[in-house]
Amino acid sequence: MTEEEAVAAGMPEWAGISHEQMHVAGQPAHPGYARALGISLTTFAEWAREHLPEPSRH
């Protein structure tokens, strides 16, 4: 949404500019951008299984 739309929707004026920036630039951290570049993605659960030690069994 534009800054004006964000403010009209109830956002405080100081927060409206971030909505305007997302409207223009999109959300660069969105997984679709990485996939479009051929970057493979890992879920947090997959990462944890690969990088964290097994929980100790007491």
C-alpha atoms as a PDB file:
ATOM      1  CA  MET A   1       0.000   0.000   0.000  1.00  0.00           C
ATOM      2  CA  THR A   2       1.083   3.569  -0.452  1.00  0.00           C
ATOM      3  CA  GLU A   3       1.958   5.825   2.478  1.00  0.00           C
ATOM      4  CA  GLU A   4      -1.429   7.559   2.176  1.00  0.00           C
ATOM      5  CA  GLU A   5      -3.256   4.223   2.138  1.00  0.00           C
ATOM      6  CA  ALA A   6      -1.338   3.030   5.192  1.00  0.00           C
ATOM      7  CA  VAL A   7      -2.227   6.153   7.153  1.00  0.00           C
ATOM      8  CA  ALA A   8      -5.848   5.926   5.993  1.00  0.00           C
ATOM      9  CA  ALA A   9      -5.890   2.297   7.198  1.00  0.00           C
ATOM     10  CA  GLY A  10      -4.876   3.427  10.681  1.00  0.00           C
ATOM     11  CA  MET A  11      -1.080   3.252  10.636  1.00  0.00           C
ATOM     12  CA  PRO A  12       0.678   6.121  12.416  1.00  0.00           C
ATOM     13  CA  GLU A  13       2.179   8.662  10.017  1.00  0.00           C
ATOM     14  CA  TRP A  14       5.738   7.758  11.040  1.00  0.00           C
ATOM     15  CA  ALA A  15       5.125   4.149   9.940  1.00  0.00           C
ATOM     16  CA  GLY A  16       3.538   4.973   6.608  1.00  0.00           C
ATOM     17  CA  ILE A  17       6.826   5.484   4.762  1.00  0.00           C
ATOM     18  CA  SER A  18       7.893   1.885   5.382  1.00  0.00           C
ATOM     19  CA  HIS A  19       4.699   0.707   3.689  1.00  0.00           C
ATOM     20  CA  GLU A  20       5.450   2.995   0.762  1.00  0.00           C
ATOM     21  CA  GLN A  21       8.960   1.526   0.486  1.00  0.00           C
ATOM     22  CA  MET A  22       7.612  -2.050   0.538  1.00  0.00           C
ATOM     23  CA  HIS A  23       5.073  -1.027  -2.091  1.00  0.00           C
ATOM     24  CA  VAL A  24       7.862   0.217  -4.382  1.00  0.00           C
ATOM     25  CA  ALA A  25      10.663  -2.261  -3.594  1.00  0.00           C
ATOM     26  CA  GLY A  26       8.715  -5.339  -2.602  1.00  0.00           C
ATOM     27  CA  GLN A  27       9.929  -7.609   0.166  1.00  0.00           C
ATOM     28  CA  PRO A  28      13.495  -8.604  -0.735  1.00  0.00           C
ATOM     29  CA  ALA A  29      13.629 -11.218   2.039  1.00  0.00           C
ATOM     30  CA  HIS A  30      10.658 -13.095   0.587  1.00  0.00           C
ATOM     31  CA  PRO A  31      11.570 -16.730  -0.251  1.00  0.00           C
ATOM     32  CA  GLY A  32      10.301 -16.277  -3.798  1.00  0.00           C
ATOM     33  CA  TYR A  33      13.188 -13.916  -4.569  1.00  0.00           C
ATOM     34  CA  ALA A  34      15.766 -16.494  -3.462  1.00  0.00           C
ATOM     35  CA  ARG A  35      14.060 -19.274  -5.423  1.00  0.00           C
ATOM     36  CA  ALA A  36      13.967 -17.088  -8.537  1.00  0.00           C
ATOM     37  CA  LEU A  37      17.747 -16.720  -8.252  1.00  0.00           C
ATOM     38  CA  GLY A  38      18.195 -20.477  -7.879  1.00  0.00           C
ATOM     39  CA  ILE A  39      19.156 -20.256  -4.203  1.00  0.00           C
ATOM     40  CA  SER A  40      18.093 -23.316  -2.268  1.00  0.00           C
ATOM     41  CA  LEU A  41      16.218 -22.708   0.955  1.00  0.00           C
ATOM     42  CA  THR A  42      16.357 -24.582   4.235  1.00  0.00           C
ATOM     43  CA  THR A  43      13.640 -24.611   6.863  1.00  0.00           C
ATOM     44  CA  PHE A  44      14.641 -23.875  10.424  1.00  0.00           C
ATOM     45  CA  ALA A  45      13.837 -27.471  11.386  1.00  0.00           C
ATOM     46  CA  GLU A  46      16.171 -28.793   8.658  1.00  0.00           C
ATOM     47  CA  TRP A  47      18.922 -26.394   9.714  1.00  0.00           C
ATOM     48  CA  ALA A  48      18.545 -27.388  13.378  1.00  0.00           C
ATOM     49  CA  ARG A  49      18.803 -31.106  12.577  1.00  0.00           C
ATOM     50  CA  GLU A  50      22.009 -30.470  10.626  1.00  0.00           C
ATOM     51  CA  HIS A  51      23.703 -28.040  13.018  1.00  0.00           C
ATOM     52  CA  LEU A  52      22.541 -28.655  16.564  1.00  0.00           C
ATOM     53  CA  PRO A  53      23.686 -31.542  18.732  1.00  0.00           C
ATOM     54  CA  GLU A  54      21.242 -34.301  19.553  1.00  0.00           C
ATOM     55  CA  PRO A  55      19.405 -33.601  22.791  1.00  0.00           C
ATOM     56  CA  SER A  56      20.818 -35.596  25.692  1.00  0.00           C
ATOM     57  CA  ARG A  57      18.567 -38.354  26.917  1.00  0.00           C
ATOM     58  CA  HIS A  58      18.515 -38.559  30.712  1.00  0.00           C
END
